[in-house]
């Protein structure tokens, strides 16, 4: 990164429209201690339960999805913010087309 900042006026526009029954992802920023990825999901798409070795911050941008974190289920919608500790199992189910930004802090 040449500049010491990154500005995106509309981060969601960084990905094309979602093909039917698909998931798209694009790296927004990757540095030694930070990894920011934009995801777009079609309705009904899922991420099976998994864990991360790093703290994760989820920011919902479009649509709605449910995320199971441990034994809890939360609704993600535009403006939602979710912190997930390292090693915490989590899974995602999209209710409608959904976009989120995930930040991993290494």
PDB file of N, CA and C in Angstrom:
ATOM      1  N   UNK A   1       0.862  -1.179   0.000  1.00  0.00           N
ATOM      2  CA  UNK A   1       0.000   0.000   0.000  1.00  0.00           C
ATOM      3  C   UNK A   1       0.905   1.238   0.000  1.00  0.00           C
ATOM      4  N   UNK A   2       0.828   1.996  -1.069  1.00  0.00           N
ATOM      5  CA  UNK A   2       1.680   3.163  -1.223  1.00  0.00           C
ATOM      6  C   UNK A   2       1.304   4.273  -0.246  1.00  0.00           C
ATOM      7  N   UNK A   3       0.007   4.570  -0.151  1.00  0.00           N
ATOM      8  CA  UNK A   3      -0.464   5.591   0.784  1.00  0.00           C
ATOM      9  C   UNK A   3      -0.558   4.979   2.170  1.00  0.00           C
ATOM     10  N   UNK A   4      -0.655   5.803   3.162  1.00  0.00           N
ATOM     11  CA  UNK A   4      -0.768   5.342   4.540  1.00  0.00           C
ATOM     12  C   UNK A   4      -2.222   5.200   4.972  1.00  0.00           C
ATOM     13  N   UNK A   5      -3.141   5.155   3.999  1.00  0.00           N
ATOM     14  CA  UNK A   5      -4.554   4.960   4.295  1.00  0.00           C
ATOM     15  C   UNK A   5      -5.226   4.291   3.108  1.00  0.00           C
ATOM     16  N   UNK A   6      -6.408   3.755   3.365  1.00  0.00           N
ATOM     17  CA  UNK A   6      -7.226   3.168   2.307  1.00  0.00           C
ATOM     18  C   UNK A   6      -8.629   3.726   2.473  1.00  0.00           C
ATOM     19  N   UNK A   7      -9.159   4.327   1.437  1.00  0.00           N
ATOM     20  CA  UNK A   7     -10.512   4.879   1.469  1.00  0.00           C
ATOM     21  C   UNK A   7     -11.334   4.240   0.365  1.00  0.00           C
ATOM     22  N   UNK A   8     -12.486   3.665   0.738  1.00  0.00           N
ATOM     23  CA  UNK A   8     -13.445   3.132  -0.220  1.00  0.00           C
ATOM     24  C   UNK A   8     -14.789   3.781   0.080  1.00  0.00           C
ATOM     25  N   UNK A   9     -15.298   4.571  -0.838  1.00  0.00           N
ATOM     26  CA  UNK A   9     -16.558   5.272  -0.605  1.00  0.00           C
ATOM     27  C   UNK A   9     -17.729   4.301  -0.507  1.00  0.00           C
ATOM     28  N   UNK A  10     -17.640   3.172  -1.203  1.00  0.00           N
ATOM     29  CA  UNK A  10     -18.710   2.168  -1.185  1.00  0.00           C
ATOM     30  C   UNK A  10     -18.062   0.792  -1.274  1.00  0.00           C
ATOM     31  N   UNK A  11     -17.740   0.214  -0.124  1.00  0.00           N
ATOM     32  CA  UNK A  11     -17.003  -1.045  -0.089  1.00  0.00           C
ATOM     33  C   UNK A  11     -17.761  -2.186  -0.774  1.00  0.00           C
ATOM     34  N   UNK A  12     -19.091  -2.200  -0.688  1.00  0.00           N
ATOM     35  CA  UNK A  12     -19.881  -3.275  -1.283  1.00  0.00           C
ATOM     36  C   UNK A  12     -19.733  -3.295  -2.800  1.00  0.00           C
ATOM     37  N   UNK A  13     -19.549  -2.123  -3.394  1.00  0.00           N
ATOM     38  CA  UNK A  13     -19.419  -2.065  -4.851  1.00  0.00           C
ATOM     39  C   UNK A  13     -18.114  -2.686  -5.352  1.00  0.00           C
ATOM     40  N   UNK A  14     -17.227  -3.085  -4.461  1.00  0.00           N
ATOM     41  CA  UNK A  14     -15.968  -3.709  -4.851  1.00  0.00           C
ATOM     42  C   UNK A  14     -16.168  -5.113  -5.426  1.00  0.00           C
ATOM     43  N   UNK A  15     -17.345  -5.712  -5.168  1.00  0.00           N
ATOM     44  CA  UNK A  15     -17.655  -7.036  -5.710  1.00  0.00           C
ATOM     45  C   UNK A  15     -18.775  -6.934  -6.730  1.00  0.00           C
ATOM     46  N   UNK A  16     -18.741  -7.772  -7.745  1.00  0.00           N
ATOM     47  CA  UNK A  16     -19.847  -7.785  -8.713  1.00  0.00           C
ATOM     48  C   UNK A  16     -21.108  -8.374  -8.084  1.00  0.00           C
ATOM     49  N   UNK A  17     -22.205  -8.324  -8.808  1.00  0.00           N
ATOM     50  CA  UNK A  17     -23.441  -8.944  -8.338  1.00  0.00           C
ATOM     51  C   UNK A  17     -23.205 -10.425  -8.072  1.00  0.00           C
ATOM     52  N   UNK A  18     -23.960 -10.975  -7.153  1.00  0.00           N
ATOM     53  CA  UNK A  18     -23.792 -12.373  -6.765  1.00  0.00           C
ATOM     54  C   UNK A  18     -24.449 -13.281  -7.797  1.00  0.00           C
ATOM     55  N   UNK A  19     -23.694 -14.204  -8.372  1.00  0.00           N
ATOM     56  CA  UNK A  19     -24.343 -15.207  -9.218  1.00  0.00           C
ATOM     57  C   UNK A  19     -25.255 -16.087  -8.355  1.00  0.00           C
ATOM     58  N   UNK A  20     -26.302 -16.594  -8.933  1.00  0.00           N
ATOM     59  CA  UNK A  20     -27.260 -17.428  -8.198  1.00  0.00           C
ATOM     60  C   UNK A  20     -26.541 -18.575  -7.487  1.00  0.00           C
ATOM     61  N   UNK A  21     -26.939 -18.808  -6.220  1.00  0.00           N
ATOM     62  CA  UNK A  21     -26.399 -19.902  -5.405  1.00  0.00           C
ATOM     63  C   UNK A  21     -24.882 -19.828  -5.223  1.00  0.00           C
ATOM     64  N   UNK A  22     -24.358 -18.623  -5.077  1.00  0.00           N
ATOM     65  CA  UNK A  22     -22.900 -18.459  -4.996  1.00  0.00           C
ATOM     66  C   UNK A  22     -22.466 -17.632  -3.794  1.00  0.00           C
ATOM     67  N   UNK A  23     -21.166 -17.675  -3.561  1.00  0.00           N
ATOM     68  CA  UNK A  23     -20.496 -16.849  -2.558  1.00  0.00           C
ATOM     69  C   UNK A  23     -19.299 -16.206  -3.247  1.00  0.00           C
ATOM     70  N   UNK A  24     -19.124 -14.915  -3.049  1.00  0.00           N
ATOM     71  CA  UNK A  24     -17.968 -14.199  -3.594  1.00  0.00           C
ATOM     72  C   UNK A  24     -17.177 -13.588  -2.446  1.00  0.00           C
ATOM     73  N   UNK A  25     -15.879 -13.548  -2.591  1.00  0.00           N
ATOM     74  CA  UNK A  25     -15.055 -12.863  -1.597  1.00  0.00           C
ATOM     75  C   UNK A  25     -13.933 -12.119  -2.298  1.00  0.00           C
ATOM     76  N   UNK A  26     -13.493 -11.046  -1.659  1.00  0.00           N
ATOM     77  CA  UNK A  26     -12.395 -10.260  -2.206  1.00  0.00           C
ATOM     78  C   UNK A  26     -11.625  -9.643  -1.044  1.00  0.00           C
ATOM     79  N   UNK A  27     -10.320  -9.779  -1.113  1.00  0.00           N
ATOM     80  CA  UNK A  27      -9.470  -9.134  -0.116  1.00  0.00           C
ATOM     81  C   UNK A  27      -9.531  -7.624  -0.319  1.00  0.00           C
ATOM     82  N   UNK A  28      -9.756  -6.909   0.759  1.00  0.00           N
ATOM     83  CA  UNK A  28      -9.807  -5.440   0.713  1.00  0.00           C
ATOM     84  C   UNK A  28      -8.472  -4.875   1.169  1.00  0.00           C
ATOM     85  N   UNK A  29      -7.895  -5.497   2.206  1.00  0.00           N
ATOM     86  CA  UNK A  29      -6.631  -5.028   2.762  1.00  0.00           C
ATOM     87  C   UNK A  29      -5.939  -6.200   3.439  1.00  0.00           C
ATOM     88  N   UNK A  30      -4.668  -6.369   3.136  1.00  0.00           N
ATOM     89  CA  UNK A  30      -3.896  -7.441   3.757  1.00  0.00           C
ATOM     90  C   UNK A  30      -2.556  -6.861   4.189  1.00  0.00           C
ATOM     91  N   UNK A  31      -2.318  -6.900   5.503  1.00  0.00           N
ATOM     92  CA  UNK A  31      -1.055  -6.443   6.070  1.00  0.00           C
ATOM     93  C   UNK A  31      -0.576  -7.490   7.066  1.00  0.00           C
ATOM     94  N   UNK A  32       0.596  -7.270   7.625  1.00  0.00           N
ATOM     95  CA  UNK A  32       1.157  -8.244   8.563  1.00  0.00           C
ATOM     96  C   UNK A  32       0.205  -8.600   9.696  1.00  0.00           C
ATOM     97  N   UNK A  33      -0.475  -7.626  10.265  1.00  0.00           N
ATOM     98  CA  UNK A  33      -1.310  -7.868  11.442  1.00  0.00           C
ATOM     99  C   UNK A  33      -2.799  -7.656  11.207  1.00  0.00           C
ATOM    100  N   UNK A  34      -3.192  -7.499   9.931  1.00  0.00           N
ATOM    101  CA  UNK A  34      -4.583  -7.188   9.617  1.00  0.00           C
ATOM    102  C   UNK A  34      -4.977  -7.807   8.288  1.00  0.00           C
ATOM    103  N   UNK A  35      -6.159  -8.421   8.259  1.00  0.00           N
ATOM    104  CA  UNK A  35      -6.669  -9.021   7.028  1.00  0.00           C
ATOM    105  C   UNK A  35      -8.151  -8.662   6.932  1.00  0.00           C
ATOM    106  N   UNK A  36      -8.516  -7.868   5.928  1.00  0.00           N
ATOM    107  CA  UNK A  36      -9.893  -7.415   5.752  1.00  0.00           C
ATOM    108  C   UNK A  36     -10.432  -8.009   4.451  1.00  0.00           C
ATOM    109  N   UNK A  37     -11.565  -8.725   4.553  1.00  0.00           N
ATOM    110  CA  UNK A  37     -12.145  -9.391   3.389  1.00  0.00           C
ATOM    111  C   UNK A  37     -13.625  -9.053   3.280  1.00  0.00           C
ATOM    112  N   UNK A  38     -14.064  -8.773   2.060  1.00  0.00           N
ATOM    113  CA  UNK A  38     -15.467  -8.511   1.756  1.00  0.00           C
ATOM    114  C   UNK A  38     -16.084  -9.795   1.218  1.00  0.00           C
ATOM    115  N   UNK A  39     -17.230 -10.186   1.771  1.00  0.00           N
ATOM    116  CA  UNK A  39     -17.960 -11.370   1.313  1.00  0.00           C
ATOM    117  C   UNK A  39     -19.346 -10.971   0.851  1.00  0.00           C
ATOM    118  N   UNK A  40     -19.807 -11.620  -0.222  1.00  0.00           N
ATOM    119  CA  UNK A  40     -21.200 -11.507  -0.679  1.00  0.00           C
ATOM    120  C   UNK A  40     -21.742 -12.911  -0.855  1.00  0.00           C
ATOM    121  N   UNK A  41     -22.955 -13.142  -0.347  1.00  0.00           N
ATOM    122  CA  UNK A  41     -23.596 -14.450  -0.396  1.00  0.00           C
ATOM    123  C   UNK A  41     -24.969 -14.319  -1.030  1.00  0.00           C
ATOM    124  N   UNK A  42     -25.377 -15.293  -1.805  1.00  0.00           N
ATOM    125  CA  UNK A  42     -26.745 -15.356  -2.284  1.00  0.00           C
ATOM    126  C   UNK A  42     -27.617 -15.900  -1.149  1.00  0.00           C
ATOM    127  N   UNK A  43     -28.904 -15.678  -1.232  1.00  0.00           N
ATOM    128  CA  UNK A  43     -29.843 -16.187  -0.224  1.00  0.00           C
ATOM    129  C   UNK A  43     -29.685 -17.698  -0.095  1.00  0.00           C
ATOM    130  N   UNK A  44     -29.748 -18.190   1.124  1.00  0.00           N
ATOM    131  CA  UNK A  44     -29.669 -19.621   1.383  1.00  0.00           C
ATOM    132  C   UNK A  44     -28.258 -20.173   1.495  1.00  0.00           C
ATOM    133  N   UNK A  45     -27.248 -19.383   1.165  1.00  0.00           N
ATOM    134  CA  UNK A  45     -25.865 -19.864   1.264  1.00  0.00           C
ATOM    135  C   UNK A  45     -25.433 -19.936   2.729  1.00  0.00           C
ATOM    136  N   UNK A  46     -24.497 -20.820   3.006  1.00  0.00           N
ATOM    137  CA  UNK A  46     -24.048 -21.036   4.382  1.00  0.00           C
ATOM    138  C   UNK A  46     -22.532 -21.152   4.446  1.00  0.00           C
ATOM    139  N   UNK A  47     -22.004 -20.822   5.621  1.00  0.00           N
ATOM    140  CA  UNK A  47     -20.638 -21.161   5.980  1.00  0.00           C
ATOM    141  C   UNK A  47     -20.767 -22.140   7.130  1.00  0.00           C
ATOM    142  N   UNK A  48     -20.241 -23.324   6.950  1.00  0.00           N
ATOM    143  CA  UNK A  48     -20.330 -24.332   8.007  1.00  0.00           C
ATOM    144  C   UNK A  48     -19.516 -23.897   9.216  1.00  0.00           C
ATOM    145  N   UNK A  49     -19.838 -24.501  10.348  1.00  0.00           N
ATOM    146  CA  UNK A  49     -19.141 -24.152  11.582  1.00  0.00           C
ATOM    147  C   UNK A  49     -17.624 -24.302  11.407  1.00  0.00           C
ATOM    148  N   UNK A  50     -16.927 -23.298  11.881  1.00  0.00           N
ATOM    149  CA  UNK A  50     -15.470 -23.287  11.811  1.00  0.00           C
ATOM    150  C   UNK A  50     -14.944 -22.379  12.918  1.00  0.00           C
ATOM    151  N   UNK A  51     -13.635 -22.317  13.067  1.00  0.00           N
ATOM    152  CA  UNK A  51     -13.000 -21.426  14.032  1.00  0.00           C
ATOM    153  C   UNK A  51     -11.901 -20.646  13.333  1.00  0.00           C
ATOM    154  N   UNK A  52     -11.415 -19.626  13.998  1.00  0.00           N
ATOM    155  CA  UNK A  52     -10.291 -18.844  13.493  1.00  0.00           C
ATOM    156  C   UNK A  52      -9.242 -18.746  14.599  1.00  0.00           C
ATOM    157  N   UNK A  53      -7.996 -18.746  14.229  1.00  0.00           N
ATOM    158  CA  UNK A  53      -6.920 -18.584  15.202  1.00  0.00           C
ATOM    159  C   UNK A  53      -6.782 -17.131  15.643  1.00  0.00           C
ATOM    160  N   UNK A  54      -7.496 -16.231  14.952  1.00  0.00           N
ATOM    161  CA  UNK A  54      -7.374 -14.797  15.223  1.00  0.00           C
ATOM    162  C   UNK A  54      -8.720 -14.204  15.636  1.00  0.00           C
ATOM    163  N   UNK A  55      -8.701 -13.093  16.385  1.00  0.00           N
ATOM    164  CA  UNK A  55      -9.952 -12.384  16.657  1.00  0.00           C
ATOM    165  C   UNK A  55     -10.568 -11.924  15.328  1.00  0.00           C
ATOM    166  N   UNK A  56     -11.898 -12.026  15.222  1.00  0.00           N
ATOM    167  CA  UNK A  56     -12.595 -11.624  14.000  1.00  0.00           C
ATOM    168  C   UNK A  56     -13.654 -10.572  14.328  1.00  0.00           C
ATOM    169  N   UNK A  57     -13.742  -9.567  13.486  1.00  0.00           N
ATOM    170  CA  UNK A  57     -14.780  -8.538  13.589  1.00  0.00           C
ATOM    171  C   UNK A  57     -15.624  -8.641  12.331  1.00  0.00           C
ATOM    172  N   UNK A  58     -16.934  -8.847  12.520  1.00  0.00           N
ATOM    173  CA  UNK A  58     -17.879  -8.975  11.414  1.00  0.00           C
ATOM    174  C   UNK A  58     -18.738  -7.720  11.370  1.00  0.00           C
ATOM    175  N   UNK A  59     -18.817  -7.092  10.205  1.00  0.00           N
ATOM    176  CA  UNK A  59     -19.668  -5.928  10.004  1.00  0.00           C
ATOM    177  C   UNK A  59     -20.625  -6.238   8.862  1.00  0.00           C
ATOM    178  N   UNK A  60     -21.921  -6.289   9.163  1.00  0.00           N
ATOM    179  CA  UNK A  60     -22.930  -6.560   8.140  1.00  0.00           C
ATOM    180  C   UNK A  60     -23.165  -5.298   7.319  1.00  0.00           C
ATOM    181  N   UNK A  61     -23.220  -5.462   5.994  1.00  0.00           N
ATOM    182  CA  UNK A  61     -23.365  -4.321   5.084  1.00  0.00           C
ATOM    183  C   UNK A  61     -24.683  -4.322   4.332  1.00  0.00           C
ATOM    184  N   UNK A  62     -25.151  -5.485   3.909  1.00  0.00           N
ATOM    185  CA  UNK A  62     -26.406  -5.602   3.139  1.00  0.00           C
ATOM    186  C   UNK A  62     -27.107  -6.890   3.519  1.00  0.00           C
ATOM    187  N   UNK A  63     -28.425  -6.887   3.416  1.00  0.00           N
ATOM    188  CA  UNK A  63     -29.216  -8.093   3.613  1.00  0.00           C
ATOM    189  C   UNK A  63     -29.284  -8.555   5.056  1.00  0.00           C
ATOM    190  N   UNK A  64     -29.631  -9.837   5.257  1.00  0.00           N
ATOM    191  CA  UNK A  64     -29.735 -10.410   6.598  1.00  0.00           C
ATOM    192  C   UNK A  64     -29.218 -11.833   6.595  1.00  0.00           C
ATOM    193  N   UNK A  65     -28.600 -12.197   7.720  1.00  0.00           N
ATOM    194  CA  UNK A  65     -28.100 -13.552   7.918  1.00  0.00           C
ATOM    195  C   UNK A  65     -28.137 -13.846   9.408  1.00  0.00           C
ATOM    196  N   UNK A  66     -28.163 -15.120   9.755  1.00  0.00           N
ATOM    197  CA  UNK A  66     -28.016 -15.501  11.151  1.00  0.00           C
ATOM    198  C   UNK A  66     -26.635 -16.107  11.320  1.00  0.00           C
ATOM    199  N   UNK A  67     -26.007 -15.761  12.427  1.00  0.00           N
ATOM    200  CA  UNK A  67     -24.719 -16.355  12.746  1.00  0.00           C
ATOM    201  C   UNK A  67     -24.844 -17.045  14.087  1.00  0.00           C
ATOM    202  N   UNK A  68     -24.441 -18.297  14.108  1.00  0.00           N
ATOM    203  CA  UNK A  68     -24.380 -19.048  15.347  1.00  0.00           C
ATOM    204  C   UNK A  68     -22.959 -18.901  15.873  1.00  0.00           C
ATOM    205  N   UNK A  69     -22.856 -18.425  17.115  1.00  0.00           N
ATOM    206  CA  UNK A  69     -21.566 -18.242  17.767  1.00  0.00           C
ATOM    207  C   UNK A  69     -21.622 -19.059  19.048  1.00  0.00           C
ATOM    208  N   UNK A  70     -20.875 -20.150  19.083  1.00  0.00           N
ATOM    209  CA  UNK A  70     -21.019 -21.072  20.208  1.00  0.00           C
ATOM    210  C   UNK A  70     -22.428 -21.634  20.177  1.00  0.00           C
ATOM    211  N   UNK A  71     -23.188 -21.418  21.258  1.00  0.00           N
ATOM    212  CA  UNK A  71     -24.572 -21.894  21.322  1.00  0.00           C
ATOM    213  C   UNK A  71     -25.585 -20.783  21.061  1.00  0.00           C
ATOM    214  N   UNK A  72     -25.097 -19.570  20.843  1.00  0.00           N
ATOM    215  CA  UNK A  72     -25.978 -18.422  20.615  1.00  0.00           C
ATOM    216  C   UNK A  72     -26.189 -18.174  19.136  1.00  0.00           C
ATOM    217  N   UNK A  73     -27.361 -17.630  18.805  1.00  0.00           N
ATOM    218  CA  UNK A  73     -27.672 -17.268  17.422  1.00  0.00           C
ATOM    219  C   UNK A  73     -27.988 -15.778  17.401  1.00  0.00           C
ATOM    220  N   UNK A  74     -27.332 -15.033  16.491  1.00  0.00           N
ATOM    221  CA  UNK A  74     -27.565 -13.594  16.368  1.00  0.00           C
ATOM    222  C   UNK A  74     -27.995 -13.265  14.944  1.00  0.00           C
ATOM    223  N   UNK A  75     -28.795 -12.216  14.805  1.00  0.00           N
ATOM    224  CA  UNK A  75     -29.238 -11.741  13.499  1.00  0.00           C
ATOM    225  C   UNK A  75     -28.293 -10.636  13.046  1.00  0.00           C
ATOM    226  N   UNK A  76     -27.726 -10.806  11.865  1.00  0.00           N
ATOM    227  CA  UNK A  76     -26.870  -9.784  11.274  1.00  0.00           C
ATOM    228  C   UNK A  76     -27.654  -9.058  10.197  1.00  0.00           C
ATOM    229  N   UNK A  77     -27.684  -7.740  10.281  1.00  0.00           N
ATOM    230  CA  UNK A  77     -28.342  -6.893   9.286  1.00  0.00           C
ATOM    231  C   UNK A  77     -27.498  -5.642   9.134  1.00  0.00           C
ATOM    232  N   UNK A  78     -27.739  -4.802   8.135  1.00  0.00           N
ATOM    233  CA  UNK A  78     -26.881  -3.640   7.920  1.00  0.00           C
ATOM    234  C   UNK A  78     -26.681  -2.839   9.210  1.00  0.00           C
ATOM    235  N   UNK A  79     -25.422  -2.597   9.524  1.00  0.00           N
ATOM    236  CA  UNK A  79     -25.077  -1.870  10.739  1.00  0.00           C
ATOM    237  C   UNK A  79     -24.693  -2.779  11.897  1.00  0.00           C
ATOM    238  N   UNK A  80     -24.976  -4.083  11.795  1.00  0.00           N
ATOM    239  CA  UNK A  80     -24.613  -5.012  12.879  1.00  0.00           C
ATOM    240  C   UNK A  80     -23.096  -5.159  12.953  1.00  0.00           C
ATOM    241  N   UNK A  81     -22.617  -5.308  14.179  1.00  0.00           N
ATOM    242  CA  UNK A  81     -21.194  -5.481  14.464  1.00  0.00           C
ATOM    243  C   UNK A  81     -21.065  -6.670  15.398  1.00  0.00           C
ATOM    244  N   UNK A  82     -20.149  -7.578  15.106  1.00  0.00           N
ATOM    245  CA  UNK A  82     -19.976  -8.777  15.919  1.00  0.00           C
ATOM    246  C   UNK A  82     -18.492  -9.048  16.089  1.00  0.00           C
ATOM    247  N   UNK A  83     -18.073  -9.220  17.347  1.00  0.00           N
ATOM    248  CA  UNK A  83     -16.697  -9.614  17.650  1.00  0.00           C
ATOM    249  C   UNK A  83     -16.705 -11.092  18.006  1.00  0.00           C
ATOM    250  N   UNK A  84     -15.779 -11.864  17.429  1.00  0.00           N
ATOM    251  CA  UNK A  84     -15.670 -13.292  17.712  1.00  0.00           C
ATOM    252  C   UNK A  84     -14.245 -13.571  18.191  1.00  0.00           C
ATOM    253  N   UNK A  85     -14.131 -14.115  19.391  1.00  0.00           N
ATOM    254  CA  UNK A  85     -12.822 -14.407  19.973  1.00  0.00           C
ATOM    255  C   UNK A  85     -12.137 -15.555  19.231  1.00  0.00           C
ATOM    256  N   UNK A  86     -10.810 -15.603  19.279  1.00  0.00           N
ATOM    257  CA  UNK A  86     -10.089 -16.704  18.637  1.00  0.00           C
ATOM    258  C   UNK A  86     -10.560 -18.052  19.194  1.00  0.00           C
ATOM    259  N   UNK A  87     -10.705 -19.027  18.312  1.00  0.00           N
ATOM    260  CA  UNK A  87     -11.096 -20.367  18.726  1.00  0.00           C
ATOM    261  C   UNK A  87     -12.581 -20.569  18.954  1.00  0.00           C
ATOM    262  N   UNK A  88     -13.395 -19.506  18.860  1.00  0.00           N
ATOM    263  CA  UNK A  88     -14.839 -19.608  19.094  1.00  0.00           C
ATOM    264  C   UNK A  88     -15.525 -20.177  17.851  1.00  0.00           C
ATOM    265  N   UNK A  89     -16.214 -21.321  17.960  1.00  0.00           N
ATOM    266  CA  UNK A  89     -16.921 -21.863  16.795  1.00  0.00           C
ATOM    267  C   UNK A  89     -18.031 -20.911  16.325  1.00  0.00           C
ATOM    268  N   UNK A  90     -18.168 -20.778  15.010  1.00  0.00           N
ATOM    269  CA  UNK A  90     -19.219 -19.931  14.458  1.00  0.00           C
ATOM    270  C   UNK A  90     -19.603 -20.443  13.067  1.00  0.00           C
ATOM    271  N   UNK A  91     -20.850 -20.156  12.678  1.00  0.00           N
ATOM    272  CA  UNK A  91     -21.390 -20.564  11.378  1.00  0.00           C
ATOM    273  C   UNK A  91     -22.358 -19.491  10.904  1.00  0.00           C
ATOM    274  N   UNK A  92     -22.607 -19.447   9.607  1.00  0.00           N
ATOM    275  CA  UNK A  92     -23.443 -18.405   9.014  1.00  0.00           C
ATOM    276  C   UNK A  92     -24.480 -19.024   8.088  1.00  0.00           C
ATOM    277  N   UNK A  93     -25.725 -18.509   8.155  1.00  0.00           N
ATOM    278  CA  UNK A  93     -26.786 -18.890   7.229  1.00  0.00           C
ATOM    279  C   UNK A  93     -27.424 -17.606   6.709  1.00  0.00           C
ATOM    280  N   UNK A  94     -27.455 -17.449   5.385  1.00  0.00           N
ATOM    281  CA  UNK A  94     -27.985 -16.224   4.779  1.00  0.00           C
ATOM    282  C   UNK A  94     -29.481 -16.338   4.527  1.00  0.00           C
ATOM    283  N   UNK A  95     -30.229 -15.403   5.066  1.00  0.00           N
ATOM    284  CA  UNK A  95     -31.684 -15.357   4.918  1.00  0.00           C
ATOM    285  C   UNK A  95     -32.055 -14.785   3.549  1.00  0.00           C
ATOM    286  N   UNK A  96     -31.256 -13.851   3.082  1.00  0.00           N
ATOM    287  CA  UNK A  96     -31.440 -13.170   1.793  1.00  0.00           C
ATOM    288  C   UNK A  96     -30.047 -12.849   1.279  1.00  0.00           C
ATOM    289  N   UNK A  97     -29.899 -12.307   0.081  1.00  0.00           N
ATOM    290  CA  UNK A  97     -28.557 -11.904  -0.347  1.00  0.00           C
ATOM    291  C   UNK A  97     -27.921 -11.041   0.754  1.00  0.00           C
ATOM    292  N   UNK A  98     -26.656 -11.314   1.045  1.00  0.00           N
ATOM    293  CA  UNK A  98     -26.018 -10.743   2.227  1.00  0.00           C
ATOM    294  C   UNK A  98     -24.581 -10.363   1.910  1.00  0.00           C
ATOM    295  N   UNK A  99     -24.140  -9.227   2.447  1.00  0.00           N
ATOM    296  CA  UNK A  99     -22.742  -8.796   2.316  1.00  0.00           C
ATOM    297  C   UNK A  99     -22.204  -8.442   3.689  1.00  0.00           C
ATOM    298  N   UNK A 100     -20.943  -8.829   3.916  1.00  0.00           N
ATOM    299  CA  UNK A 100     -20.306  -8.500   5.202  1.00  0.00           C
ATOM    300  C   UNK A 100     -18.819  -8.261   4.977  1.00  0.00           C
ATOM    301  N   UNK A 101     -18.253  -7.525   5.890  1.00  0.00           N
ATOM    302  CA  UNK A 101     -16.830  -7.253   5.918  1.00  0.00           C
ATOM    303  C   UNK A 101     -16.278  -7.968   7.144  1.00  0.00           C
ATOM    304  N   UNK A 102     -15.243  -8.778   6.960  1.00  0.00           N
ATOM    305  CA  UNK A 102     -14.621  -9.477   8.081  1.00  0.00           C
ATOM    306  C   UNK A 102     -13.193  -8.969   8.235  1.00  0.00           C
ATOM    307  N   UNK A 103     -12.855  -8.578   9.464  1.00  0.00           N
ATOM    308  CA  UNK A 103     -11.509  -8.137   9.794  1.00  0.00           C
ATOM    309  C   UNK A 103     -10.894  -9.129  10.757  1.00  0.00           C
ATOM    310  N   UNK A 104      -9.757  -9.704  10.364  1.00  0.00           N
ATOM    311  CA  UNK A 104      -8.999 -10.584  11.249  1.00  0.00           C
ATOM    312  C   UNK A 104      -7.807  -9.785  11.767  1.00  0.00           C
ATOM    313  N   UNK A 105      -7.657  -9.752  13.088  1.00  0.00           N
ATOM    314  CA  UNK A 105      -6.552  -9.036  13.722  1.00  0.00           C
ATOM    315  C   UNK A 105      -5.514 -10.073  14.131  1.00  0.00           C
ATOM    316  N   UNK A 106      -4.364 -10.039  13.504  1.00  0.00           N
ATOM    317  CA  UNK A 106      -3.329 -11.062  13.749  1.00  0.00           C
ATOM    318  C   UNK A 106      -2.333 -10.634  14.806  1.00  0.00           C
TER     319      UNK A 106
END
